[in-house]
Amino acid sequence: MIKGKRITRPNGLKAEDCAVIAQAAGKFKSSVQIIKQNHTVNAKSIMGLISLNIQKDEYIYLAVQGEDEQSAFKTVYALL
């Protein structure tokens, strides 16, 4: 399951946001990835998320695959 989203947070995704996303994604068995332009990172990795330097109004994709992908997708997408 893949879906795009434009980031609307005034400051983009900061370290605190990345930590919350990584912690939430880590609770699922599914593979959870964030894609920005040509870079793909594991959403369960705080450092991976921070390395994307996601800013306000940037468009990213959330890709989730696995046995609990519906729940994982809904949870992580809501945090973006």
PDB file of N, CA and C in Angstrom:
ATOM      1  N   MET A   1       0.847  -1.163   0.000  1.00  0.00           N
ATOM      2  CA  MET A   1       0.000   0.000   0.000  1.00  0.00           C
ATOM      3  C   MET A   1       0.900   1.236   0.000  1.00  0.00           C
ATOM      4  N   ILE A   2       0.690   2.113  -0.959  1.00  0.00           N
ATOM      5  CA  ILE A   2       1.476   3.341  -1.068  1.00  0.00           C
ATOM      6  C   ILE A   2       0.528   4.520  -1.241  1.00  0.00           C
ATOM      7  N   LYS A   3       0.809   5.588  -0.506  1.00  0.00           N
ATOM      8  CA  LYS A   3       0.011   6.798  -0.646  1.00  0.00           C
ATOM      9  C   LYS A   3       0.884   8.007  -0.367  1.00  0.00           C
ATOM     10  N   GLY A   4       0.673   9.068  -1.123  1.00  0.00           N
ATOM     11  CA  GLY A   4       1.434  10.291  -0.939  1.00  0.00           C
ATOM     12  C   GLY A   4       0.758  11.236   0.037  1.00  0.00           C
ATOM     13  N   LYS A   5       1.557  12.156   0.565  1.00  0.00           N
ATOM     14  CA  LYS A   5       1.018  13.160   1.475  1.00  0.00           C
ATOM     15  C   LYS A   5       1.911  14.396   1.447  1.00  0.00           C
ATOM     16  N   ARG A   6       1.261  15.564   1.439  1.00  0.00           N
ATOM     17  CA  ARG A   6       1.990  16.822   1.536  1.00  0.00           C
ATOM     18  C   ARG A   6       2.097  17.170   3.013  1.00  0.00           C
ATOM     19  N   ILE A   7       3.283  17.507   3.465  1.00  0.00           N
ATOM     20  CA  ILE A   7       3.515  17.834   4.865  1.00  0.00           C
ATOM     21  C   ILE A   7       3.009  19.247   5.144  1.00  0.00           C
ATOM     22  N   THR A   8       2.134  19.378   6.128  1.00  0.00           N
ATOM     23  CA  THR A   8       1.532  20.671   6.429  1.00  0.00           C
ATOM     24  C   THR A   8       1.998  21.259   7.756  1.00  0.00           C
ATOM     25  N   ARG A   9       2.821  20.545   8.495  1.00  0.00           N
ATOM     26  CA  ARG A   9       3.323  21.085   9.767  1.00  0.00           C
ATOM     27  C   ARG A   9       4.169  22.324   9.469  1.00  0.00           C
ATOM     28  N   PRO A  10       3.998  23.395  10.237  1.00  0.00           N
ATOM     29  CA  PRO A  10       4.715  24.648   9.963  1.00  0.00           C
ATOM     30  C   PRO A  10       6.235  24.498   9.908  1.00  0.00           C
ATOM     31  N   ASN A  11       6.797  23.599  10.699  1.00  0.00           N
ATOM     32  CA  ASN A  11       8.248  23.412  10.731  1.00  0.00           C
ATOM     33  C   ASN A  11       8.696  22.103  10.089  1.00  0.00           C
ATOM     34  N   GLY A  12       7.823  21.451   9.345  1.00  0.00           N
ATOM     35  CA  GLY A  12       8.168  20.157   8.762  1.00  0.00           C
ATOM     36  C   GLY A  12       8.229  19.096   9.846  1.00  0.00           C
ATOM     37  N   LEU A  13       8.968  18.032   9.581  1.00  0.00           N
ATOM     38  CA  LEU A  13       9.120  16.967  10.582  1.00  0.00           C
ATOM     39  C   LEU A  13      10.444  17.152  11.305  1.00  0.00           C
ATOM     40  N   LYS A  14      10.376  17.499  12.563  1.00  0.00           N
ATOM     41  CA  LYS A  14      11.562  17.694  13.387  1.00  0.00           C
ATOM     42  C   LYS A  14      11.894  16.391  14.110  1.00  0.00           C
ATOM     43  N   ALA A  15      12.975  16.394  14.873  1.00  0.00           N
ATOM     44  CA  ALA A  15      13.452  15.183  15.545  1.00  0.00           C
ATOM     45  C   ALA A  15      12.384  14.567  16.446  1.00  0.00           C
ATOM     46  N   GLU A  16      11.645  15.405  17.154  1.00  0.00           N
ATOM     47  CA  GLU A  16      10.605  14.889  18.052  1.00  0.00           C
ATOM     48  C   GLU A  16       9.512  14.170  17.262  1.00  0.00           C
ATOM     49  N   ASP A  17       9.129  14.748  16.126  1.00  0.00           N
ATOM     50  CA  ASP A  17       8.121  14.128  15.266  1.00  0.00           C
ATOM     51  C   ASP A  17       8.630  12.795  14.721  1.00  0.00           C
ATOM     52  N   CYS A  18       9.891  12.792  14.306  1.00  0.00           N
ATOM     53  CA  CYS A  18      10.490  11.570  13.764  1.00  0.00           C
ATOM     54  C   CYS A  18      10.539  10.472  14.813  1.00  0.00           C
ATOM     55  N   ALA A  19      10.819  10.842  16.052  1.00  0.00           N
ATOM     56  CA  ALA A  19      10.867   9.854  17.139  1.00  0.00           C
ATOM     57  C   ALA A  19       9.494   9.232  17.365  1.00  0.00           C
ATOM     58  N   VAL A  20       8.456  10.054  17.345  1.00  0.00           N
ATOM     59  CA  VAL A  20       7.088   9.558  17.543  1.00  0.00           C
ATOM     60  C   VAL A  20       6.701   8.622  16.398  1.00  0.00           C
ATOM     61  N   ILE A  21       7.027   9.010  15.175  1.00  0.00           N
ATOM     62  CA  ILE A  21       6.705   8.183  14.000  1.00  0.00           C
ATOM     63  C   ILE A  21       7.453   6.856  14.059  1.00  0.00           C
ATOM     64  N   ALA A  22       8.746   6.901  14.367  1.00  0.00           N
ATOM     65  CA  ALA A  22       9.552   5.675  14.432  1.00  0.00           C
ATOM     66  C   ALA A  22       9.047   4.734  15.523  1.00  0.00           C
ATOM     67  N   GLN A  23       8.679   5.291  16.648  1.00  0.00           N
ATOM     68  CA  GLN A  23       8.167   4.471  17.751  1.00  0.00           C
ATOM     69  C   GLN A  23       6.846   3.810  17.353  1.00  0.00           C
ATOM     70  N   ALA A  24       5.971   4.566  16.713  1.00  0.00           N
ATOM     71  CA  ALA A  24       4.683   4.013  16.285  1.00  0.00           C
ATOM     72  C   ALA A  24       4.883   2.938  15.220  1.00  0.00           C
ATOM     73  N   ALA A  25       5.748   3.203  14.251  1.00  0.00           N
ATOM     74  CA  ALA A  25       5.996   2.237  13.179  1.00  0.00           C
ATOM     75  C   ALA A  25       6.630   0.957  13.718  1.00  0.00           C
ATOM     76  N   GLY A  26       7.448   1.090  14.748  1.00  0.00           N
ATOM     77  CA  GLY A  26       8.130  -0.059  15.343  1.00  0.00           C
ATOM     78  C   GLY A  26       7.206  -1.052  16.015  1.00  0.00           C
ATOM     79  N   LYS A  27       5.989  -0.664  16.272  1.00  0.00           N
ATOM     80  CA  LYS A  27       5.029  -1.558  16.926  1.00  0.00           C
ATOM     81  C   LYS A  27       4.402  -2.559  15.960  1.00  0.00           C
ATOM     82  N   PHE A  28       4.669  -2.392  14.669  1.00  0.00           N
ATOM     83  CA  PHE A  28       4.051  -3.248  13.661  1.00  0.00           C
ATOM     84  C   PHE A  28       5.071  -4.183  13.027  1.00  0.00           C
ATOM     85  N   LYS A  29       4.596  -5.323  12.548  1.00  0.00           N
ATOM     86  CA  LYS A  29       5.456  -6.298  11.886  1.00  0.00           C
ATOM     87  C   LYS A  29       5.733  -5.913  10.434  1.00  0.00           C
ATOM     88  N   SER A  30       4.837  -5.139   9.852  1.00  0.00           N
ATOM     89  CA  SER A  30       4.955  -4.753   8.444  1.00  0.00           C
ATOM     90  C   SER A  30       6.181  -3.881   8.199  1.00  0.00           C
ATOM     91  N   SER A  31       6.644  -3.898   6.955  1.00  0.00           N
ATOM     92  CA  SER A  31       7.687  -2.992   6.497  1.00  0.00           C
ATOM     93  C   SER A  31       7.034  -1.625   6.289  1.00  0.00           C
ATOM     94  N   VAL A  32       7.601  -0.585   6.915  1.00  0.00           N
ATOM     95  CA  VAL A  32       7.058   0.767   6.802  1.00  0.00           C
ATOM     96  C   VAL A  32       8.180   1.666   6.300  1.00  0.00           C
ATOM     97  N   GLN A  33       7.967   2.266   5.132  1.00  0.00           N
ATOM     98  CA  GLN A  33       8.997   3.102   4.531  1.00  0.00           C
ATOM     99  C   GLN A  33       8.447   4.468   4.151  1.00  0.00           C
ATOM    100  N   ILE A  34       9.317   5.473   4.254  1.00  0.00           N
ATOM    101  CA  ILE A  34       8.998   6.827   3.816  1.00  0.00           C
ATOM    102  C   ILE A  34       9.876   7.114   2.603  1.00  0.00           C
ATOM    103  N   ILE A  35       9.258   7.643   1.551  1.00  0.00           N
ATOM    104  CA  ILE A  35       9.979   7.938   0.317  1.00  0.00           C
ATOM    105  C   ILE A  35       9.882   9.435   0.046  1.00  0.00           C
ATOM    106  N   LYS A  36      11.047  10.069  -0.132  1.00  0.00           N
ATOM    107  CA  LYS A  36      11.124  11.487  -0.494  1.00  0.00           C
ATOM    108  C   LYS A  36      12.053  11.587  -1.694  1.00  0.00           C
ATOM    109  N   GLN A  37      11.504  12.038  -2.798  1.00  0.00           N
ATOM    110  CA  GLN A  37      12.237  12.114  -4.068  1.00  0.00           C
ATOM    111  C   GLN A  37      12.837  10.744  -4.370  1.00  0.00           C
ATOM    112  N   ASN A  38      14.147  10.599  -4.410  1.00  0.00           N
ATOM    113  CA  ASN A  38      14.763   9.307  -4.734  1.00  0.00           C
ATOM    114  C   ASN A  38      15.303   8.591  -3.502  1.00  0.00           C
ATOM    115  N   HIS A  39      14.932   9.052  -2.314  1.00  0.00           N
ATOM    116  CA  HIS A  39      15.447   8.468  -1.079  1.00  0.00           C
ATOM    117  C   HIS A  39      14.343   7.718  -0.342  1.00  0.00           C
ATOM    118  N   THR A  40      14.665   6.495   0.051  1.00  0.00           N
ATOM    119  CA  THR A  40      13.732   5.655   0.794  1.00  0.00           C
ATOM    120  C   THR A  40      14.381   5.274   2.115  1.00  0.00           C
ATOM    121  N   VAL A  41      13.643   5.479   3.210  1.00  0.00           N
ATOM    122  CA  VAL A  41      14.177   5.102   4.523  1.00  0.00           C
ATOM    123  C   VAL A  41      13.151   4.266   5.280  1.00  0.00           C
ATOM    124  N   ASN A  42      13.652   3.483   6.202  1.00  0.00           N
ATOM    125  CA  ASN A  42      12.817   2.684   7.089  1.00  0.00           C
ATOM    126  C   ASN A  42      12.196   3.634   8.114  1.00  0.00           C
ATOM    127  N   ALA A  43      10.879   3.681   8.171  1.00  0.00           N
ATOM    128  CA  ALA A  43      10.194   4.587   9.092  1.00  0.00           C
ATOM    129  C   ALA A  43      10.377   4.174  10.550  1.00  0.00           C
ATOM    130  N   LYS A  44      10.946   3.007  10.793  1.00  0.00           N
ATOM    131  CA  LYS A  44      11.209   2.555  12.157  1.00  0.00           C
ATOM    132  C   LYS A  44      12.544   3.102  12.670  1.00  0.00           C
ATOM    133  N   SER A  45      13.264   3.812  11.805  1.00  0.00           N
ATOM    134  CA  SER A  45      14.572   4.371  12.137  1.00  0.00           C
ATOM    135  C   SER A  45      14.468   5.884  12.337  1.00  0.00           C
ATOM    136  N   ILE A  46      14.718   6.323  13.549  1.00  0.00           N
ATOM    137  CA  ILE A  46      14.673   7.760  13.832  1.00  0.00           C
ATOM    138  C   ILE A  46      15.703   8.495  12.973  1.00  0.00           C
ATOM    139  N   MET A  47      16.904   7.981  12.924  1.00  0.00           N
ATOM    140  CA  MET A  47      17.964   8.642  12.155  1.00  0.00           C
ATOM    141  C   MET A  47      17.654   8.663  10.661  1.00  0.00           C
ATOM    142  N   GLY A  48      17.039   7.597  10.180  1.00  0.00           N
ATOM    143  CA  GLY A  48      16.643   7.566   8.772  1.00  0.00           C
ATOM    144  C   GLY A  48      15.642   8.657   8.454  1.00  0.00           C
ATOM    145  N   LEU A  49      14.660   8.823   9.325  1.00  0.00           N
ATOM    146  CA  LEU A  49      13.643   9.858   9.119  1.00  0.00           C
ATOM    147  C   LEU A  49      14.254  11.253   9.203  1.00  0.00           C
ATOM    148  N   ILE A  50      15.111  11.465  10.179  1.00  0.00           N
ATOM    149  CA  ILE A  50      15.757  12.773  10.326  1.00  0.00           C
ATOM    150  C   ILE A  50      16.595  13.091   9.094  1.00  0.00           C
ATOM    151  N   SER A  51      17.253  12.072   8.542  1.00  0.00           N
ATOM    152  CA  SER A  51      18.128  12.301   7.382  1.00  0.00           C
ATOM    153  C   SER A  51      17.377  12.799   6.153  1.00  0.00           C
ATOM    154  N   LEU A  52      16.073  12.543   6.085  1.00  0.00           N
ATOM    155  CA  LEU A  52      15.290  13.030   4.950  1.00  0.00           C
ATOM    156  C   LEU A  52      15.055  14.539   5.011  1.00  0.00           C
ATOM    157  N   ASN A  53      15.180  15.134   6.194  1.00  0.00           N
ATOM    158  CA  ASN A  53      15.002  16.582   6.361  1.00  0.00           C
ATOM    159  C   ASN A  53      13.713  17.061   5.688  1.00  0.00           C
ATOM    160  N   ILE A  54      12.599  16.495   6.115  1.00  0.00           N
ATOM    161  CA  ILE A  54      11.298  16.778   5.501  1.00  0.00           C
ATOM    162  C   ILE A  54      10.783  18.134   5.974  1.00  0.00           C
ATOM    163  N   GLN A  55      10.556  19.019   5.018  1.00  0.00           N
ATOM    164  CA  GLN A  55      10.123  20.387   5.293  1.00  0.00           C
ATOM    165  C   GLN A  55       8.649  20.582   4.960  1.00  0.00           C
ATOM    166  N   LYS A  56       8.097  21.699   5.423  1.00  0.00           N
ATOM    167  CA  LYS A  56       6.702  22.047   5.139  1.00  0.00           C
ATOM    168  C   LYS A  56       6.473  22.123   3.628  1.00  0.00           C
ATOM    169  N   ASP A  57       5.333  21.646   3.200  1.00  0.00           N
ATOM    170  CA  ASP A  57       4.885  21.639   1.800  1.00  0.00           C
ATOM    171  C   ASP A  57       5.627  20.659   0.903  1.00  0.00           C
ATOM    172  N   GLU A  58       6.523  19.836   1.460  1.00  0.00           N
ATOM    173  CA  GLU A  58       7.155  18.792   0.652  1.00  0.00           C
ATOM    174  C   GLU A  58       6.191  17.614   0.537  1.00  0.00           C
ATOM    175  N   TYR A  59       6.302  16.892  -0.563  1.00  0.00           N
ATOM    176  CA  TYR A  59       5.440  15.758  -0.834  1.00  0.00           C
ATOM    177  C   TYR A  59       6.242  14.490  -0.616  1.00  0.00           C
ATOM    178  N   ILE A  60       5.732  13.603   0.221  1.00  0.00           N
ATOM    179  CA  ILE A  60       6.398  12.333   0.504  1.00  0.00           C
ATOM    180  C   ILE A  60       5.410  11.190   0.271  1.00  0.00           C
ATOM    181  N   TYR A  61       5.939   9.978   0.243  1.00  0.00           N
ATOM    182  CA  TYR A  61       5.099   8.792   0.101  1.00  0.00           C
ATOM    183  C   TYR A  61       5.327   7.876   1.294  1.00  0.00           C
ATOM    184  N   LEU A  62       4.242   7.257   1.740  1.00  0.00           N
ATOM    185  CA  LEU A  62       4.300   6.245   2.790  1.00  0.00           C
ATOM    186  C   LEU A  62       4.011   4.905   2.125  1.00  0.00           C
ATOM    187  N   ALA A  63       4.936   3.964   2.262  1.00  0.00           N
ATOM    188  CA  ALA A  63       4.770   2.627   1.684  1.00  0.00           C
ATOM    189  C   ALA A  63       4.783   1.605   2.817  1.00  0.00           C
ATOM    190  N   VAL A  64       3.732   0.801   2.888  1.00  0.00           N
ATOM    191  CA  VAL A  64       3.610  -0.206   3.947  1.00  0.00           C
ATOM    192  C   VAL A  64       3.260  -1.542   3.315  1.00  0.00           C
ATOM    193  N   GLN A  65       3.969  -2.586   3.752  1.00  0.00           N
ATOM    194  CA  GLN A  65       3.693  -3.914   3.226  1.00  0.00           C
ATOM    195  C   GLN A  65       3.907  -4.942   4.332  1.00  0.00           C
ATOM    196  N   GLY A  66       2.935  -5.829   4.494  1.00  0.00           N
ATOM    197  CA  GLY A  66       3.070  -6.879   5.494  1.00  0.00           C
ATOM    198  C   GLY A  66       1.732  -7.314   6.045  1.00  0.00           C
ATOM    199  N   GLU A  67       1.793  -8.156   7.052  1.00  0.00           N
ATOM    200  CA  GLU A  67       0.583  -8.781   7.575  1.00  0.00           C
ATOM    201  C   GLU A  67      -0.352  -7.827   8.318  1.00  0.00           C
ATOM    202  N   ASP A  68       0.177  -6.762   8.879  1.00  0.00           N
ATOM    203  CA  ASP A  68      -0.676  -5.799   9.587  1.00  0.00           C
ATOM    204  C   ASP A  68      -0.615  -4.416   8.926  1.00  0.00           C
ATOM    205  N   GLU A  69      -0.521  -4.415   7.601  1.00  0.00           N
ATOM    206  CA  GLU A  69      -0.307  -3.161   6.878  1.00  0.00           C
ATOM    207  C   GLU A  69      -1.444  -2.157   7.010  1.00  0.00           C
ATOM    208  N   GLN A  70      -2.669  -2.614   7.113  1.00  0.00           N
ATOM    209  CA  GLN A  70      -3.790  -1.674   7.245  1.00  0.00           C
ATOM    210  C   GLN A  70      -3.651  -0.827   8.511  1.00  0.00           C
ATOM    211  N   SER A  71      -3.416  -1.487   9.622  1.00  0.00           N
ATOM    212  CA  SER A  71      -3.261  -0.781  10.897  1.00  0.00           C
ATOM    213  C   SER A  71      -2.015   0.091  10.899  1.00  0.00           C
ATOM    214  N   ALA A  72      -0.921  -0.439  10.392  1.00  0.00           N
ATOM    215  CA  ALA A  72       0.344   0.309  10.360  1.00  0.00           C
ATOM    216  C   ALA A  72       0.200   1.556   9.493  1.00  0.00           C
ATOM    217  N   PHE A  73      -0.425   1.387   8.333  1.00  0.00           N
ATOM    218  CA  PHE A  73      -0.593   2.511   7.421  1.00  0.00           C
ATOM    219  C   PHE A  73      -1.437   3.612   8.068  1.00  0.00           C
ATOM    220  N   LYS A  74      -2.566   3.221   8.640  1.00  0.00           N
ATOM    221  CA  LYS A  74      -3.480   4.199   9.240  1.00  0.00           C
ATOM    222  C   LYS A  74      -2.791   4.964  10.379  1.00  0.00           C
ATOM    223  N   THR A  75      -2.039   4.256  11.207  1.00  0.00           N
ATOM    224  CA  THR A  75      -1.377   4.867  12.353  1.00  0.00           C
ATOM    225  C   THR A  75      -0.298   5.847  11.922  1.00  0.00           C
ATOM    226  N   VAL A  76       0.603   5.404  11.039  1.00  0.00           N
ATOM    227  CA  VAL A  76       1.736   6.250  10.635  1.00  0.00           C
ATOM    228  C   VAL A  76       1.261   7.412   9.762  1.00  0.00           C
ATOM    229  N   TYR A  77       0.325   7.170   8.871  1.00  0.00           N
ATOM    230  CA  TYR A  77      -0.176   8.236   7.992  1.00  0.00           C
ATOM    231  C   TYR A  77      -0.772   9.377   8.831  1.00  0.00           C
ATOM    232  N   ALA A  78      -1.464   9.023   9.900  1.00  0.00           N
ATOM    233  CA  ALA A  78      -2.073  10.041  10.765  1.00  0.00           C
ATOM    234  C   ALA A  78      -1.009  10.901  11.465  1.00  0.00           C
ATOM    235  N   LEU A  79       0.167  10.334  11.698  1.00  0.00           N
ATOM    236  CA  LEU A  79       1.234  11.071  12.375  1.00  0.00           C
ATOM    237  C   LEU A  79       2.001  12.000  11.440  1.00  0.00           C
ATOM    238  N   LEU A  80       1.876  11.772  10.150  1.00  0.00           N
ATOM    239  CA  LEU A  80       2.562  12.645   9.193  1.00  0.00           C
ATOM    240  C   LEU A  80       1.777  13.920   9.075  1.00  0.00           C
TER     241      LEU A  80
END
